[in-house]
């Protein structure tokens, strides 16, 4: 991938003085009912997107200031525990977990939330759900207000911290992204909600990596690496039970054989192309 020179930009994820905006992404996982094994949900970003156009990614995005709201409904590991897992301050931990769940709903229609008494929302289809999803995307409704309106709470116990990747220095828009894994809740279905993606698909992680190697499916290094790691797990149960050490991984932009490329640090498992 060719790097661009850094430039100053706004608060929508751009680099300011070498900083990277906190972000979260979720690898939605499911078992193929026909015996095909573990599958992961991928979206292809539209060619018009300023960041990673045409790339296949997981649902996710930047942390919104309102994601750190202390009043958000919450069950499962508390923010202090997530702060320890993610090695960040508690407000940012709350924001990362909230952004992970909010962005997943905005970009796939899947909601990792349920009633305070327990359980998970069984279905998020319908005109009323779609109106709320669009309001979240438009920032006219906060995630806290959305959950309160529906008498729901975040199910943080459905998330598994997986990895942390930082956009290389030299890219004009940089993100410090925490990757999470989550099983598709029973009864819920992903749906193509348009907007930032022009294609969605459930794929076996190994198939995604193979397609990337053949040049038929474009992915950024973090997506390639995490798909390869999921392929090694082999099953949904193994993926959710995998022991993960969350350390920052920051590739570099270098000239290799006369071409500008993103180079993954030594020691990071990464499939050859």
C-alpha atoms as a PDB file:
ATOM      1  CA  UNK A   1       0.000   0.000   0.000  1.00  0.00           C
ATOM      2  CA  UNK A   2       1.395   3.384  -0.946  1.00  0.00           C
ATOM      3  CA  UNK A   3       1.729   5.832   1.912  1.00  0.00           C
ATOM      4  CA  UNK A   4       0.783   9.497   1.746  1.00  0.00           C
ATOM      5  CA  UNK A   5       2.469  12.425   3.402  1.00  0.00           C
ATOM      6  CA  UNK A   6       1.009  13.425   6.766  1.00  0.00           C
ATOM      7  CA  UNK A   7      -1.191  16.469   6.807  1.00  0.00           C
ATOM      8  CA  UNK A   8      -3.280  18.198   9.445  1.00  0.00           C
ATOM      9  CA  UNK A   9      -6.998  17.432   9.427  1.00  0.00           C
ATOM     10  CA  UNK A  10     -10.075  17.413  11.613  1.00  0.00           C
ATOM     11  CA  UNK A  11     -11.324  15.285  14.470  1.00  0.00           C
ATOM     12  CA  UNK A  12     -12.663  12.553  12.171  1.00  0.00           C
ATOM     13  CA  UNK A  13      -9.667  10.312  12.670  1.00  0.00           C
ATOM     14  CA  UNK A  14      -6.917  12.377  11.128  1.00  0.00           C
ATOM     15  CA  UNK A  15      -3.338  12.603  12.269  1.00  0.00           C
ATOM     16  CA  UNK A  16      -2.553  15.634  14.438  1.00  0.00           C
ATOM     17  CA  UNK A  17       1.075  15.930  15.468  1.00  0.00           C
ATOM     18  CA  UNK A  18       1.693  12.197  15.157  1.00  0.00           C
ATOM     19  CA  UNK A  19      -1.387  11.141  17.128  1.00  0.00           C
ATOM     20  CA  UNK A  20      -3.766   8.324  16.231  1.00  0.00           C
ATOM     21  CA  UNK A  21      -7.487   8.353  17.001  1.00  0.00           C
ATOM     22  CA  UNK A  22      -8.741   5.539  19.277  1.00  0.00           C
ATOM     23  CA  UNK A  23     -10.955   3.126  17.375  1.00  0.00           C
ATOM     24  CA  UNK A  24     -12.561  -0.278  17.786  1.00  0.00           C
ATOM     25  CA  UNK A  25     -13.493  -3.062  15.394  1.00  0.00           C
ATOM     26  CA  UNK A  26     -15.328  -6.338  15.912  1.00  0.00           C
ATOM     27  CA  UNK A  27     -14.735  -9.654  14.180  1.00  0.00           C
ATOM     28  CA  UNK A  28     -18.235 -11.120  14.090  1.00  0.00           C
ATOM     29  CA  UNK A  29     -17.924 -14.911  14.099  1.00  0.00           C
ATOM     30  CA  UNK A  30     -20.286 -17.792  13.385  1.00  0.00           C
ATOM     31  CA  UNK A  31     -20.182 -21.492  12.603  1.00  0.00           C
ATOM     32  CA  UNK A  32     -21.267 -22.443   9.104  1.00  0.00           C
ATOM     33  CA  UNK A  33     -24.382 -24.552   9.550  1.00  0.00           C
ATOM     34  CA  UNK A  34     -23.448 -26.713   6.561  1.00  0.00           C
ATOM     35  CA  UNK A  35     -20.259 -27.909   8.220  1.00  0.00           C
ATOM     36  CA  UNK A  36     -17.893 -25.384   6.678  1.00  0.00           C
ATOM     37  CA  UNK A  37     -16.455 -24.364  10.039  1.00  0.00           C
ATOM     38  CA  UNK A  38     -15.685 -20.899  11.379  1.00  0.00           C
ATOM     39  CA  UNK A  39     -16.764 -17.862   9.370  1.00  0.00           C
ATOM     40  CA  UNK A  40     -16.091 -14.140   9.822  1.00  0.00           C
ATOM     41  CA  UNK A  41     -18.102 -11.167   8.567  1.00  0.00           C
ATOM     42  CA  UNK A  42     -16.372  -8.771   6.167  1.00  0.00           C
ATOM     43  CA  UNK A  43     -17.457  -5.511   4.533  1.00  0.00           C
ATOM     44  CA  UNK A  44     -15.879  -3.902   1.477  1.00  0.00           C
ATOM     45  CA  UNK A  45     -15.501  -0.148   1.902  1.00  0.00           C
ATOM     46  CA  UNK A  46     -16.826   1.920  -0.980  1.00  0.00           C
ATOM     47  CA  UNK A  47     -14.275   3.438  -3.413  1.00  0.00           C
ATOM     48  CA  UNK A  48     -15.356   6.919  -2.302  1.00  0.00           C
ATOM     49  CA  UNK A  49     -14.210   6.438   1.313  1.00  0.00           C
ATOM     50  CA  UNK A  50     -11.255   8.610   2.267  1.00  0.00           C
ATOM     51  CA  UNK A  51      -9.779   5.920   4.534  1.00  0.00           C
ATOM     52  CA  UNK A  52      -9.074   2.425   3.139  1.00  0.00           C
ATOM     53  CA  UNK A  53     -11.274   2.657   0.018  1.00  0.00           C
ATOM     54  CA  UNK A  54     -12.030  -0.724  -1.551  1.00  0.00           C
ATOM     55  CA  UNK A  55     -10.617  -2.630   1.402  1.00  0.00           C
ATOM     56  CA  UNK A  56     -12.402  -5.520   3.102  1.00  0.00           C
ATOM     57  CA  UNK A  57     -12.689  -4.774   6.812  1.00  0.00           C
ATOM     58  CA  UNK A  58     -14.576  -5.757   9.941  1.00  0.00           C
ATOM     59  CA  UNK A  59     -17.342  -3.501  11.301  1.00  0.00           C
ATOM     60  CA  UNK A  60     -15.808  -0.698  13.330  1.00  0.00           C
ATOM     61  CA  UNK A  61     -14.828   2.940  13.590  1.00  0.00           C
ATOM     62  CA  UNK A  62     -13.519   5.715  15.766  1.00  0.00           C
ATOM     63  CA  UNK A  63     -14.466   6.347  19.383  1.00  0.00           C
ATOM     64  CA  UNK A  64     -17.052   9.111  19.696  1.00  0.00           C
ATOM     65  CA  UNK A  65     -16.827  11.460  22.676  1.00  0.00           C
ATOM     66  CA  UNK A  66     -20.270  10.271  23.819  1.00  0.00           C
ATOM     67  CA  UNK A  67     -19.061   6.658  23.898  1.00  0.00           C
ATOM     68  CA  UNK A  68     -17.355   7.424  27.205  1.00  0.00           C
ATOM     69  CA  UNK A  69     -20.686   8.290  28.889  1.00  0.00           C
ATOM     70  CA  UNK A  70     -20.640   6.921  32.454  1.00  0.00           C
ATOM     71  CA  UNK A  71     -24.432   6.513  32.406  1.00  0.00           C
ATOM     72  CA  UNK A  72     -24.525   3.904  29.661  1.00  0.00           C
ATOM     73  CA  UNK A  73     -26.319   0.664  30.564  1.00  0.00           C
ATOM     74  CA  UNK A  74     -23.669  -2.008  31.132  1.00  0.00           C
ATOM     75  CA  UNK A  75     -23.429  -5.642  32.245  1.00  0.00           C
ATOM     76  CA  UNK A  76     -20.449  -7.957  32.125  1.00  0.00           C
ATOM     77  CA  UNK A  77     -16.836  -7.058  32.936  1.00  0.00           C
ATOM     78  CA  UNK A  78     -16.849  -3.464  34.245  1.00  0.00           C
ATOM     79  CA  UNK A  79     -14.882  -0.607  32.663  1.00  0.00           C
ATOM     80  CA  UNK A  80     -12.111  -0.972  35.249  1.00  0.00           C
ATOM     81  CA  UNK A  81     -11.551  -4.583  34.176  1.00  0.00           C
ATOM     82  CA  UNK A  82     -11.546  -3.623  30.513  1.00  0.00           C
ATOM     83  CA  UNK A  83      -9.079  -0.847  31.302  1.00  0.00           C
ATOM     84  CA  UNK A  84      -6.731  -3.479  32.695  1.00  0.00           C
ATOM     85  CA  UNK A  85      -7.212  -5.796  29.698  1.00  0.00           C
ATOM     86  CA  UNK A  86      -6.666  -3.017  27.166  1.00  0.00           C
ATOM     87  CA  UNK A  87      -3.962  -1.174  29.146  1.00  0.00           C
ATOM     88  CA  UNK A  88      -5.760   2.178  28.961  1.00  0.00           C
ATOM     89  CA  UNK A  89      -7.432   4.585  31.353  1.00  0.00           C
ATOM     90  CA  UNK A  90     -10.960   3.643  32.425  1.00  0.00           C
ATOM     91  CA  UNK A  91     -12.783   6.364  30.416  1.00  0.00           C
ATOM     92  CA  UNK A  92     -11.064   5.238  27.220  1.00  0.00           C
ATOM     93  CA  UNK A  93     -11.784   1.591  28.004  1.00  0.00           C
ATOM     94  CA  UNK A  94     -15.466   2.462  28.332  1.00  0.00           C
ATOM     95  CA  UNK A  95     -15.307   4.360  25.054  1.00  0.00           C
ATOM     96  CA  UNK A  96     -13.591   1.532  23.179  1.00  0.00           C
ATOM     97  CA  UNK A  97     -16.083  -1.107  24.327  1.00  0.00           C
ATOM     98  CA  UNK A  98     -19.043   1.160  23.606  1.00  0.00           C
ATOM     99  CA  UNK A  99     -17.664   2.107  20.176  1.00  0.00           C
ATOM    100  CA  UNK A 100     -17.145  -1.575  19.343  1.00  0.00           C
ATOM    101  CA  UNK A 101     -20.791  -2.410  20.055  1.00  0.00           C
ATOM    102  CA  UNK A 102     -22.216   0.789  18.548  1.00  0.00           C
ATOM    103  CA  UNK A 103     -20.215   0.572  15.308  1.00  0.00           C
ATOM    104  CA  UNK A 104     -21.099  -3.095  14.893  1.00  0.00           C
ATOM    105  CA  UNK A 105     -24.786  -2.246  15.080  1.00  0.00           C
ATOM    106  CA  UNK A 106     -24.392   0.737  12.748  1.00  0.00           C
ATOM    107  CA  UNK A 107     -22.500  -1.245  10.099  1.00  0.00           C
ATOM    108  CA  UNK A 108     -24.061  -4.714  10.322  1.00  0.00           C
ATOM    109  CA  UNK A 109     -27.349  -4.437  12.217  1.00  0.00           C
ATOM    110  CA  UNK A 110     -26.022  -6.806  14.911  1.00  0.00           C
ATOM    111  CA  UNK A 111     -26.482  -5.588  18.478  1.00  0.00           C
ATOM    112  CA  UNK A 112     -24.495  -6.999  21.395  1.00  0.00           C
ATOM    113  CA  UNK A 113     -27.006  -5.898  24.003  1.00  0.00           C
ATOM    114  CA  UNK A 114     -29.970  -7.249  25.899  1.00  0.00           C
ATOM    115  CA  UNK A 115     -32.509  -6.656  28.696  1.00  0.00           C
ATOM    116  CA  UNK A 116     -31.090  -5.816  32.154  1.00  0.00           C
ATOM    117  CA  UNK A 117     -32.453  -9.113  33.516  1.00  0.00           C
ATOM    118  CA  UNK A 118     -30.347 -11.107  31.042  1.00  0.00           C
ATOM    119  CA  UNK A 119     -30.297 -12.444  27.518  1.00  0.00           C
ATOM    120  CA  UNK A 120     -29.543 -10.865  24.158  1.00  0.00           C
ATOM    121  CA  UNK A 121     -31.763  -9.050  21.686  1.00  0.00           C
ATOM    122  CA  UNK A 122     -33.182 -11.729  19.378  1.00  0.00           C
ATOM    123  CA  UNK A 123     -33.818  -9.629  16.276  1.00  0.00           C
ATOM    124  CA  UNK A 124     -32.953  -6.102  15.162  1.00  0.00           C
ATOM    125  CA  UNK A 125     -34.829  -6.012  11.865  1.00  0.00           C
ATOM    126  CA  UNK A 126     -37.762  -3.714  11.224  1.00  0.00           C
ATOM    127  CA  UNK A 127     -38.449  -0.079  10.417  1.00  0.00           C
ATOM    128  CA  UNK A 128     -38.143   1.082  14.027  1.00  0.00           C
ATOM    129  CA  UNK A 129     -34.710  -0.518  14.458  1.00  0.00           C
ATOM    130  CA  UNK A 130     -33.562   0.906  11.151  1.00  0.00           C
ATOM    131  CA  UNK A 131     -34.689   4.410  12.165  1.00  0.00           C
ATOM    132  CA  UNK A 132     -32.651   4.172  15.361  1.00  0.00           C
ATOM    133  CA  UNK A 133     -29.636   2.823  13.488  1.00  0.00           C
ATOM    134  CA  UNK A 134     -29.758   5.713  11.032  1.00  0.00           C
ATOM    135  CA  UNK A 135     -30.068   8.191  13.908  1.00  0.00           C
ATOM    136  CA  UNK A 136     -26.931   6.728  15.490  1.00  0.00           C
ATOM    137  CA  UNK A 137     -25.064   7.054  12.195  1.00  0.00           C
ATOM    138  CA  UNK A 138     -26.238  10.661  11.870  1.00  0.00           C
ATOM    139  CA  UNK A 139     -25.174  11.407  15.468  1.00  0.00           C
ATOM    140  CA  UNK A 140     -28.673  12.661  16.315  1.00  0.00           C
ATOM    141  CA  UNK A 141     -29.008   9.862  18.880  1.00  0.00           C
ATOM    142  CA  UNK A 142     -26.312   8.795  21.320  1.00  0.00           C
ATOM    143  CA  UNK A 143     -25.737   5.142  22.089  1.00  0.00           C
ATOM    144  CA  UNK A 144     -26.657   5.743  25.728  1.00  0.00           C
ATOM    145  CA  UNK A 145     -29.985   7.278  24.667  1.00  0.00           C
ATOM    146  CA  UNK A 146     -30.602   4.434  22.228  1.00  0.00           C
ATOM    147  CA  UNK A 147     -30.116   1.735  24.870  1.00  0.00           C
ATOM    148  CA  UNK A 148     -32.144   3.619  27.481  1.00  0.00           C
ATOM    149  CA  UNK A 149     -34.994   4.151  25.024  1.00  0.00           C
ATOM    150  CA  UNK A 150     -35.211   0.398  24.442  1.00  0.00           C
ATOM    151  CA  UNK A 151     -34.488  -0.619  28.044  1.00  0.00           C
ATOM    152  CA  UNK A 152     -31.314  -2.440  27.030  1.00  0.00           C
ATOM    153  CA  UNK A 153     -27.805  -2.744  28.416  1.00  0.00           C
ATOM    154  CA  UNK A 154     -24.450  -3.387  26.787  1.00  0.00           C
ATOM    155  CA  UNK A 155     -23.399  -7.052  26.993  1.00  0.00           C
ATOM    156  CA  UNK A 156     -19.665  -6.571  27.428  1.00  0.00           C
ATOM    157  CA  UNK A 157     -19.277 -10.241  28.307  1.00  0.00           C
ATOM    158  CA  UNK A 158     -19.928 -11.065  24.631  1.00  0.00           C
ATOM    159  CA  UNK A 159     -16.698  -9.342  23.554  1.00  0.00           C
ATOM    160  CA  UNK A 160     -13.198 -10.829  23.573  1.00  0.00           C
ATOM    161  CA  UNK A 161     -10.170  -8.532  23.313  1.00  0.00           C
ATOM    162  CA  UNK A 162      -8.063  -9.778  20.401  1.00  0.00           C
ATOM    163  CA  UNK A 163      -5.388  -7.330  19.210  1.00  0.00           C
ATOM    164  CA  UNK A 164      -4.216  -3.746  18.915  1.00  0.00           C
ATOM    165  CA  UNK A 165      -2.999  -2.286  15.615  1.00  0.00           C
ATOM    166  CA  UNK A 166      -1.819   1.270  14.981  1.00  0.00           C
ATOM    167  CA  UNK A 167      -1.825   2.885  11.530  1.00  0.00           C
ATOM    168  CA  UNK A 168       1.772   3.479  10.338  1.00  0.00           C
ATOM    169  CA  UNK A 169       3.361   6.860  10.852  1.00  0.00           C
ATOM    170  CA  UNK A 170       3.336   8.720   7.578  1.00  0.00           C
ATOM    171  CA  UNK A 171      -0.290   7.946   6.765  1.00  0.00           C
ATOM    172  CA  UNK A 172      -2.329  11.141   6.845  1.00  0.00           C
ATOM    173  CA  UNK A 173      -5.172   9.506   8.802  1.00  0.00           C
ATOM    174  CA  UNK A 174      -4.193   7.256  11.671  1.00  0.00           C
ATOM    175  CA  UNK A 175      -6.112   5.043  14.068  1.00  0.00           C
ATOM    176  CA  UNK A 176      -5.119   3.191  17.228  1.00  0.00           C
ATOM    177  CA  UNK A 177      -7.528   0.282  16.874  1.00  0.00           C
ATOM    178  CA  UNK A 178      -8.497  -2.408  19.338  1.00  0.00           C
ATOM    179  CA  UNK A 179      -9.774  -5.578  17.720  1.00  0.00           C
ATOM    180  CA  UNK A 180     -12.482  -7.594  19.454  1.00  0.00           C
ATOM    181  CA  UNK A 181     -14.077 -10.951  18.642  1.00  0.00           C
ATOM    182  CA  UNK A 182     -17.747 -11.770  19.228  1.00  0.00           C
ATOM    183  CA  UNK A 183     -20.108 -14.559  18.242  1.00  0.00           C
ATOM    184  CA  UNK A 184     -23.162 -13.629  16.194  1.00  0.00           C
ATOM    185  CA  UNK A 185     -25.995 -13.681  18.775  1.00  0.00           C
ATOM    186  CA  UNK A 186     -28.566 -16.421  18.289  1.00  0.00           C
ATOM    187  CA  UNK A 187     -31.551 -15.182  16.296  1.00  0.00           C
ATOM    188  CA  UNK A 188     -29.817 -12.103  14.921  1.00  0.00           C
ATOM    189  CA  UNK A 189     -28.765 -11.702  11.301  1.00  0.00           C
ATOM    190  CA  UNK A 190     -26.281  -9.410   9.647  1.00  0.00           C
ATOM    191  CA  UNK A 191     -27.687  -7.245   6.907  1.00  0.00           C
ATOM    192  CA  UNK A 192     -26.284  -5.028   4.199  1.00  0.00           C
ATOM    193  CA  UNK A 193     -27.077  -1.543   5.499  1.00  0.00           C
ATOM    194  CA  UNK A 194     -25.201   0.308   2.743  1.00  0.00           C
ATOM    195  CA  UNK A 195     -23.475   3.560   3.575  1.00  0.00           C
ATOM    196  CA  UNK A 196     -19.743   2.937   3.911  1.00  0.00           C
ATOM    197  CA  UNK A 197     -19.793  -0.575   2.385  1.00  0.00           C
ATOM    198  CA  UNK A 198     -20.742  -1.745  -1.112  1.00  0.00           C
ATOM    199  CA  UNK A 199     -20.359  -5.474  -0.426  1.00  0.00           C
ATOM    200  CA  UNK A 200     -20.723  -7.729   2.618  1.00  0.00           C
ATOM    201  CA  UNK A 201     -19.956 -11.406   3.022  1.00  0.00           C
ATOM    202  CA  UNK A 202     -19.469 -14.212   5.509  1.00  0.00           C
ATOM    203  CA  UNK A 203     -16.215 -16.007   4.689  1.00  0.00           C
ATOM    204  CA  UNK A 204     -14.001 -18.699   6.112  1.00  0.00           C
ATOM    205  CA  UNK A 205     -10.933 -16.817   7.420  1.00  0.00           C
ATOM    206  CA  UNK A 206      -8.616 -19.140   5.478  1.00  0.00           C
ATOM    207  CA  UNK A 207     -10.565 -18.410   2.282  1.00  0.00           C
ATOM    208  CA  UNK A 208     -10.235 -14.663   2.885  1.00  0.00           C
ATOM    209  CA  UNK A 209      -6.469 -14.980   3.279  1.00  0.00           C
ATOM    210  CA  UNK A 210      -6.241 -17.178   0.173  1.00  0.00           C
ATOM    211  CA  UNK A 211      -8.245 -14.653  -1.862  1.00  0.00           C
ATOM    212  CA  UNK A 212      -5.963 -11.869  -0.614  1.00  0.00           C
ATOM    213  CA  UNK A 213      -2.900 -13.841  -1.696  1.00  0.00           C
ATOM    214  CA  UNK A 214      -4.369 -14.224  -5.191  1.00  0.00           C
ATOM    215  CA  UNK A 215      -5.096 -10.486  -5.372  1.00  0.00           C
ATOM    216  CA  UNK A 216      -8.841 -11.059  -5.501  1.00  0.00           C
ATOM    217  CA  UNK A 217      -9.669  -9.522  -2.134  1.00  0.00           C
ATOM    218  CA  UNK A 218      -7.956  -6.418  -0.778  1.00  0.00           C
ATOM    219  CA  UNK A 219      -7.279  -6.169   2.949  1.00  0.00           C
ATOM    220  CA  UNK A 220      -5.040  -4.048   5.131  1.00  0.00           C
ATOM    221  CA  UNK A 221      -2.326  -5.867   7.147  1.00  0.00           C
ATOM    222  CA  UNK A 222      -4.318  -5.983  10.428  1.00  0.00           C
ATOM    223  CA  UNK A 223      -7.263  -7.669   8.685  1.00  0.00           C
ATOM    224  CA  UNK A 224      -5.000 -10.165   6.926  1.00  0.00           C
ATOM    225  CA  UNK A 225      -3.166 -11.020  10.151  1.00  0.00           C
ATOM    226  CA  UNK A 226      -6.310 -11.438  12.246  1.00  0.00           C
ATOM    227  CA  UNK A 227      -7.988 -13.574   9.563  1.00  0.00           C
ATOM    228  CA  UNK A 228      -4.893 -15.787   9.549  1.00  0.00           C
ATOM    229  CA  UNK A 229      -5.062 -16.065  13.344  1.00  0.00           C
ATOM    230  CA  UNK A 230      -8.755 -16.971  13.190  1.00  0.00           C
ATOM    231  CA  UNK A 231      -7.988 -19.628  10.583  1.00  0.00           C
ATOM    232  CA  UNK A 232      -5.525 -21.198  13.018  1.00  0.00           C
ATOM    233  CA  UNK A 233      -8.278 -21.401  15.656  1.00  0.00           C
ATOM    234  CA  UNK A 234     -10.511 -23.431  13.360  1.00  0.00           C
ATOM    235  CA  UNK A 235     -13.734 -23.192  15.368  1.00  0.00           C
ATOM    236  CA  UNK A 236     -15.902 -20.587  17.055  1.00  0.00           C
ATOM    237  CA  UNK A 237     -15.329 -22.112  20.480  1.00  0.00           C
ATOM    238  CA  UNK A 238     -11.564 -22.133  20.023  1.00  0.00           C
ATOM    239  CA  UNK A 239     -11.523 -18.530  18.780  1.00  0.00           C
ATOM    240  CA  UNK A 240     -13.498 -17.236  21.742  1.00  0.00           C
ATOM    241  CA  UNK A 241     -11.368 -19.229  24.180  1.00  0.00           C
ATOM    242  CA  UNK A 242      -8.015 -18.221  22.670  1.00  0.00           C
ATOM    243  CA  UNK A 243      -5.565 -16.649  25.091  1.00  0.00           C
ATOM    244  CA  UNK A 244      -4.542 -13.291  23.683  1.00  0.00           C
ATOM    245  CA  UNK A 245      -1.750 -10.936  24.711  1.00  0.00           C
ATOM    246  CA  UNK A 246      -2.747  -7.426  23.679  1.00  0.00           C
ATOM    247  CA  UNK A 247       0.380  -5.583  22.581  1.00  0.00           C
ATOM    248  CA  UNK A 248       0.581  -2.586  20.227  1.00  0.00           C
ATOM    249  CA  UNK A 249       1.522  -3.504  16.655  1.00  0.00           C
ATOM    250  CA  UNK A 250       2.575  -0.598  14.463  1.00  0.00           C
ATOM    251  CA  UNK A 251       3.692  -1.394  10.895  1.00  0.00           C
ATOM    252  CA  UNK A 252       6.057   0.952   9.082  1.00  0.00           C
ATOM    253  CA  UNK A 253       5.993   2.474   5.608  1.00  0.00           C
ATOM    254  CA  UNK A 254       9.230   1.606   3.818  1.00  0.00           C
ATOM    255  CA  UNK A 255      10.676   1.343   0.340  1.00  0.00           C
ATOM    256  CA  UNK A 256      11.104  -2.315  -0.598  1.00  0.00           C
ATOM    257  CA  UNK A 257      12.523  -3.282  -4.001  1.00  0.00           C
ATOM    258  CA  UNK A 258      11.753   0.190  -5.310  1.00  0.00           C
ATOM    259  CA  UNK A 259       8.147   0.171  -4.058  1.00  0.00           C
ATOM    260  CA  UNK A 260       6.559   1.877  -1.060  1.00  0.00           C
ATOM    261  CA  UNK A 261       5.033  -0.815   1.144  1.00  0.00           C
ATOM    262  CA  UNK A 262       3.606  -1.353   4.609  1.00  0.00           C
ATOM    263  CA  UNK A 263       5.993  -3.597   6.534  1.00  0.00           C
ATOM    264  CA  UNK A 264       4.757  -5.561   9.553  1.00  0.00           C
ATOM    265  CA  UNK A 265       7.159  -5.668  12.547  1.00  0.00           C
ATOM    266  CA  UNK A 266       9.346  -8.735  13.035  1.00  0.00           C
ATOM    267  CA  UNK A 267       7.786 -11.352  15.261  1.00  0.00           C
ATOM    268  CA  UNK A 268       4.219 -10.644  14.174  1.00  0.00           C
ATOM    269  CA  UNK A 269       2.722 -13.708  12.424  1.00  0.00           C
ATOM    270  CA  UNK A 270       1.816 -12.619   8.919  1.00  0.00           C
ATOM    271  CA  UNK A 271       1.059 -14.821   5.917  1.00  0.00           C
ATOM    272  CA  UNK A 272       3.276 -14.375   2.838  1.00  0.00           C
ATOM    273  CA  UNK A 273       1.713 -13.075  -0.349  1.00  0.00           C
END
